[in-house]
PDB file of N, CA and C in Angstrom:
ATOM      1  N   MET A   1      11.723   0.536  19.906  1.00  0.00           N
ATOM      2  CA  MET A   1      12.623  -0.389  20.546  1.00  0.00           C
ATOM      3  C   MET A   1      12.097  -1.717  20.452  1.00  0.00           C
ATOM      4  N   SER A   2      10.764  -2.022  20.618  1.00  0.00           N
ATOM      5  CA  SER A   2      10.333  -3.387  20.579  1.00  0.00           C
ATOM      6  C   SER A   2      10.502  -3.932  19.232  1.00  0.00           C
ATOM      7  N   GLY A   3      10.651  -5.222  19.208  1.00  0.00           N
ATOM      8  CA  GLY A   3      11.013  -5.895  17.915  1.00  0.00           C
ATOM      9  C   GLY A   3      12.376  -6.514  18.038  1.00  0.00           C
ATOM     10  N   LYS A   4      13.193  -6.080  18.997  1.00  0.00           N
ATOM     11  CA  LYS A   4      14.546  -6.748  19.197  1.00  0.00           C
ATOM     12  C   LYS A   4      14.325  -8.111  19.712  1.00  0.00           C
ATOM     13  N   LYS A   5      15.363  -8.817  19.594  1.00  0.00           N
ATOM     14  CA  LYS A   5      15.237 -10.261  20.030  1.00  0.00           C
ATOM     15  C   LYS A   5      14.999 -10.301  21.587  1.00  0.00           C
ATOM     16  N   GLY A   6      13.989 -11.108  21.918  1.00  0.00           N
ATOM     17  CA  GLY A   6      13.688 -11.294  23.243  1.00  0.00           C
ATOM     18  C   GLY A   6      12.660 -10.293  23.843  1.00  0.00           C
ATOM     19  N   MET A   7      12.178  -9.337  23.024  1.00  0.00           N
ATOM     20  CA  MET A   7      11.336  -8.233  23.464  1.00  0.00           C
ATOM     21  C   MET A   7       9.948  -8.569  22.967  1.00  0.00           C
ATOM     22  N   LYS A   8       8.877  -8.315  23.823  1.00  0.00           N
ATOM     23  CA  LYS A   8       7.571  -8.391  23.421  1.00  0.00           C
ATOM     24  C   LYS A   8       7.098  -7.162  22.780  1.00  0.00           C
ATOM     25  N   LYS A   9       6.172  -7.301  21.803  1.00  0.00           N
ATOM     26  CA  LYS A   9       5.547  -6.133  21.104  1.00  0.00           C
ATOM     27  C   LYS A   9       4.138  -6.029  21.640  1.00  0.00           C
ATOM     28  N   TYR A  10       3.779  -5.067  22.252  1.00  0.00           N
ATOM     29  CA  TYR A  10       2.465  -4.853  23.002  1.00  0.00           C
ATOM     30  C   TYR A  10       1.597  -4.112  21.927  1.00  0.00           C
ATOM     31  N   PRO A  11       0.288  -4.300  21.902  1.00  0.00           N
ATOM     32  CA  PRO A  11      -0.667  -3.536  21.105  1.00  0.00           C
ATOM     33  C   PRO A  11      -0.618  -2.039  21.518  1.00  0.00           C
ATOM     34  N   VAL A  12      -0.841  -1.279  20.483  1.00  0.00           N
ATOM     35  CA  VAL A  12      -0.836   0.119  20.678  1.00  0.00           C
ATOM     36  C   VAL A  12      -1.892   0.628  21.755  1.00  0.00           C
ATOM     37  N   GLY A  13      -3.036  -0.035  21.693  1.00  0.00           N
ATOM     38  CA  GLY A  13      -4.031   0.238  22.669  1.00  0.00           C
ATOM     39  C   GLY A  13      -3.582   0.077  24.137  1.00  0.00           C
ATOM     40  N   ILE A  14      -2.900  -0.995  24.401  1.00  0.00           N
ATOM     41  CA  ILE A  14      -2.474  -1.238  25.766  1.00  0.00           C
ATOM     42  C   ILE A  14      -1.425  -0.262  26.053  1.00  0.00           C
ATOM     43  N   ARG A  15      -0.565   0.067  25.174  1.00  0.00           N
ATOM     44  CA  ARG A  15       0.485   1.018  25.413  1.00  0.00           C
ATOM     45  C   ARG A  15      -0.185   2.440  25.811  1.00  0.00           C
ATOM     46  N   GLU A  16      -1.161   2.936  24.939  1.00  0.00           N
ATOM     47  CA  GLU A  16      -1.755   4.128  25.209  1.00  0.00           C
ATOM     48  C   GLU A  16      -2.493   4.114  26.587  1.00  0.00           C
ATOM     49  N   GLU A  17      -3.169   3.019  26.847  1.00  0.00           N
ATOM     50  CA  GLU A  17      -3.864   2.931  28.189  1.00  0.00           C
ATOM     51  C   GLU A  17      -2.926   3.100  29.314  1.00  0.00           C
ATOM     52  N   VAL A  18      -1.847   2.304  29.264  1.00  0.00           N
ATOM     53  CA  VAL A  18      -0.916   2.297  30.367  1.00  0.00           C
ATOM     54  C   VAL A  18      -0.301   3.706  30.588  1.00  0.00           C
ATOM     55  N   VAL A  19       0.115   4.294  29.485  1.00  0.00           N
ATOM     56  CA  VAL A  19       0.697   5.754  29.525  1.00  0.00           C
ATOM     57  C   VAL A  19      -0.241   6.664  30.113  1.00  0.00           C
ATOM     58  N   SER A  20      -1.570   6.587  29.613  1.00  0.00           N
ATOM     59  CA  SER A  20      -2.451   7.523  30.072  1.00  0.00           C
ATOM     60  C   SER A  20      -2.828   7.306  31.561  1.00  0.00           C
ATOM     61  N   ARG A  21      -2.899   6.105  32.050  1.00  0.00           N
ATOM     62  CA  ARG A  21      -3.025   5.860  33.436  1.00  0.00           C
ATOM     63  C   ARG A  21      -1.942   6.250  34.343  1.00  0.00           C
ATOM     64  N   ILE A  22      -0.709   6.233  33.866  1.00  0.00           N
ATOM     65  CA  ILE A  22       0.537   6.785  34.544  1.00  0.00           C
ATOM     66  C   ILE A  22       0.380   8.240  34.642  1.00  0.00           C
ATOM     67  N   ARG A  23       0.069   8.846  33.519  1.00  0.00           N
ATOM     68  CA  ARG A  23       0.024  10.325  33.525  1.00  0.00           C
ATOM     69  C   ARG A  23      -1.128  10.792  34.324  1.00  0.00           C
ATOM     70  N   GLY A  24      -2.086   9.870  34.618  1.00  0.00           N
ATOM     71  CA  GLY A  24      -3.214  10.250  35.417  1.00  0.00           C
ATOM     72  C   GLY A  24      -2.953  10.069  36.925  1.00  0.00           C
ATOM     73  N   GLY A  25      -1.815   9.503  37.128  1.00  0.00           N
ATOM     74  CA  GLY A  25      -1.294   9.366  38.674  1.00  0.00           C
ATOM     75  C   GLY A  25      -1.201   8.101  39.188  1.00  0.00           C
ATOM     76  N   GLU A  26      -1.487   7.056  38.458  1.00  0.00           N
ATOM     77  CA  GLU A  26      -1.262   5.659  38.898  1.00  0.00           C
ATOM     78  C   GLU A  26       0.240   5.349  38.950  1.00  0.00           C
ATOM     79  N   SER A  27       0.522   4.358  39.794  1.00  0.00           N
ATOM     80  CA  SER A  27       2.009   3.987  39.960  1.00  0.00           C
ATOM     81  C   SER A  27       2.361   3.088  38.881  1.00  0.00           C
ATOM     82  N   GLN A  28       3.664   3.196  38.354  1.00  0.00           N
ATOM     83  CA  GLN A  28       4.207   2.315  37.394  1.00  0.00           C
ATOM     84  C   GLN A  28       4.254   0.839  37.918  1.00  0.00           C
ATOM     85  N   ARG A  29       4.632   0.677  39.173  1.00  0.00           N
ATOM     86  CA  ARG A  29       4.747  -0.631  39.799  1.00  0.00           C
ATOM     87  C   ARG A  29       3.468  -1.390  39.689  1.00  0.00           C
ATOM     88  N   ALA A  30       2.296  -0.793  40.087  1.00  0.00           N
ATOM     89  CA  ALA A  30       1.068  -1.284  40.110  1.00  0.00           C
ATOM     90  C   ALA A  30       0.657  -1.763  38.631  1.00  0.00           C
ATOM     91  N   LEU A  31       0.851  -0.863  37.733  1.00  0.00           N
ATOM     92  CA  LEU A  31       0.477  -1.236  36.343  1.00  0.00           C
ATOM     93  C   LEU A  31       1.340  -2.336  35.716  1.00  0.00           C
ATOM     94  N   CYS A  32       2.650  -2.312  36.145  1.00  0.00           N
ATOM     95  CA  CYS A  32       3.585  -3.483  35.676  1.00  0.00           C
ATOM     96  C   CYS A  32       2.916  -4.748  36.122  1.00  0.00           C
ATOM     97  N   ARG A  33       2.533  -4.901  37.422  1.00  0.00           N
ATOM     98  CA  ARG A  33       1.952  -6.102  38.014  1.00  0.00           C
ATOM     99  C   ARG A  33       0.632  -6.476  37.264  1.00  0.00           C
ATOM    100  N   GLU A  34      -0.227  -5.478  37.059  1.00  0.00           N
ATOM    101  CA  GLU A  34      -1.528  -5.622  36.441  1.00  0.00           C
ATOM    102  C   GLU A  34      -1.358  -6.256  35.113  1.00  0.00           C
ATOM    103  N   TYR A  35      -0.507  -5.586  34.269  1.00  0.00           N
ATOM    104  CA  TYR A  35      -0.387  -5.964  32.765  1.00  0.00           C
ATOM    105  C   TYR A  35       0.616  -6.965  32.502  1.00  0.00           C
ATOM    106  N   GLY A  36       1.580  -7.159  33.496  1.00  0.00           N
ATOM    107  CA  GLY A  36       2.603  -8.127  33.211  1.00  0.00           C
ATOM    108  C   GLY A  36       3.702  -7.571  32.312  1.00  0.00           C
ATOM    109  N   ILE A  37       3.868  -6.289  32.411  1.00  0.00           N
ATOM    110  CA  ILE A  37       4.820  -5.497  31.509  1.00  0.00           C
ATOM    111  C   ILE A  37       5.998  -5.050  32.376  1.00  0.00           C
ATOM    112  N   SER A  38       7.231  -5.114  31.852  1.00  0.00           N
ATOM    113  CA  SER A  38       8.365  -4.694  32.582  1.00  0.00           C
ATOM    114  C   SER A  38       8.305  -3.129  32.741  1.00  0.00           C
ATOM    115  N   ARG A  39       8.992  -2.690  33.874  1.00  0.00           N
ATOM    116  CA  ARG A  39       9.065  -1.229  34.101  1.00  0.00           C
ATOM    117  C   ARG A  39       9.881  -0.534  33.017  1.00  0.00           C
ATOM    118  N   TRP A  40      10.890  -1.297  32.517  1.00  0.00           N
ATOM    119  CA  TRP A  40      11.811  -0.725  31.437  1.00  0.00           C
ATOM    120  C   TRP A  40      10.883  -0.339  30.186  1.00  0.00           C
ATOM    121  N   ALA A  41      10.015  -1.277  29.777  1.00  0.00           N
ATOM    122  CA  ALA A  41       9.224  -1.080  28.589  1.00  0.00           C
ATOM    123  C   ALA A  41       8.339   0.231  28.786  1.00  0.00           C
ATOM    124  N   ILE A  42       7.762   0.216  30.101  1.00  0.00           N
ATOM    125  CA  ILE A  42       6.949   1.473  30.362  1.00  0.00           C
ATOM    126  C   ILE A  42       7.648   2.749  30.286  1.00  0.00           C
ATOM    127  N   GLN A  43       8.862   2.667  30.804  1.00  0.00           N
ATOM    128  CA  GLN A  43       9.840   3.822  30.830  1.00  0.00           C
ATOM    129  C   GLN A  43      10.062   4.280  29.411  1.00  0.00           C
ATOM    130  N   CYS A  44      10.263   3.319  28.521  1.00  0.00           N
ATOM    131  CA  CYS A  44      10.470   3.607  26.967  1.00  0.00           C
ATOM    132  C   CYS A  44       9.245   4.214  26.396  1.00  0.00           C
ATOM    133  N   TRP A  45       8.102   3.717  26.816  1.00  0.00           N
ATOM    134  CA  TRP A  45       6.783   4.353  26.267  1.00  0.00           C
ATOM    135  C   TRP A  45       6.638   5.724  26.698  1.00  0.00           C
ATOM    136  N   LEU A  46       6.993   6.024  27.939  1.00  0.00           N
ATOM    137  CA  LEU A  46       6.777   7.338  28.428  1.00  0.00           C
ATOM    138  C   LEU A  46       7.741   8.420  27.778  1.00  0.00           C
ATOM    139  N   LYS A  47       8.874   7.890  27.248  1.00  0.00           N
ATOM    140  CA  LYS A  47       9.772   8.776  26.617  1.00  0.00           C
ATOM    141  C   LYS A  47       9.515   8.967  25.135  1.00  0.00           C
ATOM    142  N   GLU A  48       8.634   8.113  24.584  1.00  0.00           N
ATOM    143  CA  GLU A  48       8.303   8.266  23.149  1.00  0.00           C
ATOM    144  C   GLU A  48       7.366   9.514  22.983  1.00  0.00           C
ATOM    145  N   PRO A  49       7.413  10.099  21.712  1.00  0.00           N
ATOM    146  CA  PRO A  49       6.669  11.134  21.475  1.00  0.00           C
ATOM    147  C   PRO A  49       5.108  10.834  21.580  1.00  0.00           C
ATOM    148  N   VAL A  50       4.247  11.761  21.732  1.00  0.00           N
ATOM    149  CA  VAL A  50       2.831  11.435  21.865  1.00  0.00           C
ATOM    150  C   VAL A  50       2.164  10.934  20.609  1.00  0.00           C
ATOM    151  N   LEU A  51       2.557  11.367  19.447  1.00  0.00           N
ATOM    152  CA  LEU A  51       2.013  10.884  18.302  1.00  0.00           C
ATOM    153  C   LEU A  51       2.986   9.912  17.688  1.00  0.00           C
ATOM    154  N   PRO A  52       2.476   8.682  17.185  1.00  0.00           N
ATOM    155  CA  PRO A  52       3.447   7.771  16.525  1.00  0.00           C
ATOM    156  C   PRO A  52       3.933   8.510  15.197  1.00  0.00           C
ATOM    157  N   LYS A  53       5.125   8.049  14.880  1.00  0.00           N
ATOM    158  CA  LYS A  53       5.742   8.547  13.651  1.00  0.00           C
ATOM    159  C   LYS A  53       4.931   8.004  12.496  1.00  0.00           C
ATOM    160  N   ALA A  54       4.614   8.917  11.549  1.00  0.00           N
ATOM    161  CA  ALA A  54       3.792   8.526  10.362  1.00  0.00           C
ATOM    162  C   ALA A  54       4.779   8.282   9.182  1.00  0.00           C
ATOM    163  N   ARG A  55       4.535   7.285   8.484  1.00  0.00           N
ATOM    164  CA  ARG A  55       5.348   7.067   7.207  1.00  0.00           C
ATOM    165  C   ARG A  55       4.932   8.087   6.128  1.00  0.00           C
ATOM    166  N   GLY A  56       5.925   8.617   5.463  1.00  0.00           N
ATOM    167  CA  GLY A  56       5.595   9.650   4.340  1.00  0.00           C
ATOM    168  C   GLY A  56       5.284   8.839   3.095  1.00  0.00           C
ATOM    169  N   ARG A  57       4.452   9.404   2.312  1.00  0.00           N
ATOM    170  CA  ARG A  57       3.995   8.702   1.069  1.00  0.00           C
ATOM    171  C   ARG A  57       5.014   9.026  -0.062  1.00  0.00           C
ATOM    172  N   LYS A  58       5.141   8.072  -0.865  1.00  0.00           N
ATOM    173  CA  LYS A  58       6.013   8.300  -2.053  1.00  0.00           C
ATOM    174  C   LYS A  58       5.295   9.243  -2.970  1.00  0.00           C
ATOM    175  N   PRO A  59       5.987  10.144  -3.677  1.00  0.00           N
ATOM    176  CA  PRO A  59       5.272  11.002  -4.555  1.00  0.00           C
ATOM    177  C   PRO A  59       4.662  10.227  -5.729  1.00  0.00           C
ATOM    178  N   ALA A  60       3.546  10.690  -6.227  1.00  0.00           N
ATOM    179  CA  ALA A  60       2.947  10.074  -7.290  1.00  0.00           C
ATOM    180  C   ALA A  60       3.817   9.949  -8.616  1.00  0.00           C
ATOM    181  N   LYS A  61       3.770   8.950  -9.266  1.00  0.00           N
ATOM    182  CA  LYS A  61       4.558   8.833 -10.520  1.00  0.00           C
ATOM    183  C   LYS A  61       3.849   9.589 -11.611  1.00  0.00           C
ATOM    184  N   THR A  62       4.670  10.164 -12.458  1.00  0.00           N
ATOM    185  CA  THR A  62       4.134  10.876 -13.607  1.00  0.00           C
ATOM    186  C   THR A  62       3.795  10.004 -14.713  1.00  0.00           C
ATOM    187  N   LEU A  63       3.030  10.413 -15.752  1.00  0.00           N
ATOM    188  CA  LEU A  63       2.667   9.570 -16.799  1.00  0.00           C
ATOM    189  C   LEU A  63       3.916   9.130 -17.659  1.00  0.00           C
ATOM    190  N   ALA A  64       4.993   9.999 -17.734  1.00  0.00           N
ATOM    191  CA  ALA A  64       6.146   9.631 -18.307  1.00  0.00           C
ATOM    192  C   ALA A  64       6.840   8.479 -17.625  1.00  0.00           C
ATOM    193  N   GLU A  65       6.888   8.509 -16.383  1.00  0.00           N
ATOM    194  CA  GLU A  65       7.520   7.460 -15.653  1.00  0.00           C
ATOM    195  C   GLU A  65       6.756   6.124 -15.696  1.00  0.00           C
ATOM    196  N   TYR A  66       5.502   6.225 -15.840  1.00  0.00           N
ATOM    197  CA  TYR A  66       4.717   4.994 -16.077  1.00  0.00           C
ATOM    198  C   TYR A  66       4.975   4.422 -17.480  1.00  0.00           C
ATOM    199  N   LYS A  67       4.971   5.310 -18.392  1.00  0.00           N
ATOM    200  CA  LYS A  67       5.287   4.862 -19.840  1.00  0.00           C
ATOM    201  C   LYS A  67       6.797   4.180 -19.902  1.00  0.00           C
ATOM    202  N   TYR A  68       7.700   4.799 -19.227  1.00  0.00           N
ATOM    203  CA  TYR A  68       9.071   4.276 -19.239  1.00  0.00           C
ATOM    204  C   TYR A  68       9.141   2.948 -18.602  1.00  0.00           C
ATOM    205  N   GLU A  69       8.412   2.783 -17.474  1.00  0.00           N
ATOM    206  CA  GLU A  69       8.469   1.492 -16.797  1.00  0.00           C
ATOM    207  C   GLU A  69       7.681   0.472 -17.682  1.00  0.00           C
ATOM    208  N   ASN A  70       6.643   0.739 -18.307  1.00  0.00           N
ATOM    209  CA  ASN A  70       5.924  -0.152 -19.104  1.00  0.00           C
ATOM    210  C   ASN A  70       6.767  -0.731 -20.313  1.00  0.00           C
ATOM    211  N   LYS A  71       7.620   0.353 -20.907  1.00  0.00           N
ATOM    212  CA  LYS A  71       8.383  -0.098 -22.027  1.00  0.00           C
ATOM    213  C   LYS A  71       9.512  -1.039 -21.563  1.00  0.00           C
ATOM    214  N   ARG A  72      10.028  -0.706 -20.316  1.00  0.00           N
ATOM    215  CA  ARG A  72      11.081  -1.581 -19.807  1.00  0.00           C
ATOM    216  C   ARG A  72      10.657  -2.989 -19.539  1.00  0.00           C
ATOM    217  N   LEU A  73       9.498  -3.035 -18.926  1.00  0.00           N
ATOM    218  CA  LEU A  73       8.835  -4.370 -18.585  1.00  0.00           C
ATOM    219  C   LEU A  73       8.477  -5.142 -19.902  1.00  0.00           C
ATOM    220  N   LYS A  74       8.107  -4.455 -20.841  1.00  0.00           N
ATOM    221  CA  LYS A  74       7.776  -5.190 -22.194  1.00  0.00           C
ATOM    222  C   LYS A  74       9.033  -5.745 -22.753  1.00  0.00           C
ATOM    223  N   MET A  75      10.105  -4.921 -22.664  1.00  0.00           N
ATOM    224  CA  MET A  75      11.448  -5.441 -23.183  1.00  0.00           C
ATOM    225  C   MET A  75      11.906  -6.598 -22.386  1.00  0.00           C
ATOM    226  N   GLU A  76      11.791  -6.616 -21.068  1.00  0.00           N
ATOM    227  CA  GLU A  76      12.285  -7.766 -20.262  1.00  0.00           C
ATOM    228  C   GLU A  76      11.467  -8.937 -20.610  1.00  0.00           C
ATOM    229  N   ASN A  77      10.109  -8.771 -20.765  1.00  0.00           N
ATOM    230  CA  ASN A  77       9.328  -9.924 -21.201  1.00  0.00           C
ATOM    231  C   ASN A  77       9.726 -10.519 -22.451  1.00  0.00           C
ATOM    232  N   GLU A  78      10.008  -9.710 -23.356  1.00  0.00           N
ATOM    233  CA  GLU A  78      10.470 -10.138 -24.802  1.00  0.00           C
ATOM    234  C   GLU A  78      11.790 -10.869 -24.577  1.00  0.00           C
ATOM    235  N   LEU A  79      12.658 -10.353 -23.841  1.00  0.00           N
ATOM    236  CA  LEU A  79      14.171 -10.950 -23.695  1.00  0.00           C
ATOM    237  C   LEU A  79      13.857 -12.402 -23.062  1.00  0.00           C
ATOM    238  N   LEU A  80      13.032 -12.461 -21.968  1.00  0.00           N
ATOM    239  CA  LEU A  80      12.871 -13.749 -21.240  1.00  0.00           C
ATOM    240  C   LEU A  80      12.114 -14.712 -22.257  1.00  0.00           C
ATOM    241  N   ARG A  81      11.253 -14.341 -23.001  1.00  0.00           N
ATOM    242  CA  ARG A  81      10.520 -15.141 -24.055  1.00  0.00           C
ATOM    243  C   ARG A  81      11.549 -15.739 -25.021  1.00  0.00           C
ATOM    244  N   ASP A  82      12.305 -14.895 -25.565  1.00  0.00           N
ATOM    245  CA  ASP A  82      13.409 -15.357 -26.530  1.00  0.00           C
ATOM    246  C   ASP A  82      14.375 -16.289 -25.833  1.00  0.00           C
ATOM    247  N   PHE A  83      14.763 -16.027 -24.612  1.00  0.00           N
ATOM    248  CA  PHE A  83      15.715 -16.844 -23.939  1.00  0.00           C
ATOM    249  C   PHE A  83      15.072 -18.373 -23.723  1.00  0.00           C
ATOM    250  N   LEU A  84      13.802 -18.299 -23.334  1.00  0.00           N
ATOM    251  CA  LEU A  84      13.083 -19.636 -23.049  1.00  0.00           C
ATOM    252  C   LEU A  84      12.982 -20.396 -24.402  1.00  0.00           C
ATOM    253  N   ARG A  85      12.694 -19.668 -25.497  1.00  0.00           N
ATOM    254  CA  ARG A  85      12.637 -20.354 -26.828  1.00  0.00           C
ATOM    255  C   ARG A  85      14.001 -21.021 -27.201  1.00  0.00           C
ATOM    256  N   SER A  86      15.061 -20.172 -27.008  1.00  0.00           N
ATOM    257  CA  SER A  86      16.409 -20.659 -27.302  1.00  0.00           C
ATOM    258  C   SER A  86      16.894 -21.848 -26.509  1.00  0.00           C
ATOM    259  N   THR A  87      16.348 -21.974 -25.348  1.00  0.00           N
ATOM    260  CA  THR A  87      16.796 -23.036 -24.434  1.00  0.00           C
ATOM    261  C   THR A  87      15.909 -24.303 -24.625  1.00  0.00           C
ATOM    262  N   GLY A  88      14.797 -24.186 -25.448  1.00  0.00           N
ATOM    263  CA  GLY A  88      13.963 -25.248 -25.729  1.00  0.00           C
ATOM    264  C   GLY A  88      12.824 -25.431 -24.733  1.00  0.00           C
ATOM    265  N   ARG A  89      12.632 -24.437 -23.925  1.00  0.00           N
ATOM    266  CA  ARG A  89      11.432 -24.615 -23.056  1.00  0.00           C
ATOM    267  C   ARG A  89      10.333 -23.813 -23.623  1.00  0.00           C
ATOM    268  N   LYS A  90       9.091 -24.269 -23.375  1.00  0.00           N
ATOM    269  CA  LYS A  90       7.836 -23.698 -23.897  1.00  0.00           C
ATOM    270  C   LYS A  90       7.990 -23.127 -25.257  1.00  0.00           C
TER     271      LYS A  90
END
């Protein structure tokens, strides 16, 4: 949720500390005052899953995909070089 206009983004370490202290029995109000964080933000943190969402990795490219991309890039370079020559640049 953080990242929207007007919302602060707090470091993960602070978030984890606040959540663990609340789950340990401290009051939200006291922690809000101590850290200067809104109760709404803390409520959102408590609703979030315990583990942060991890981004998935893209599958590795195959040799054929690299060869195809290399061929395409060489062709683009050649076309750009020809265009620059025809316009009188370099």
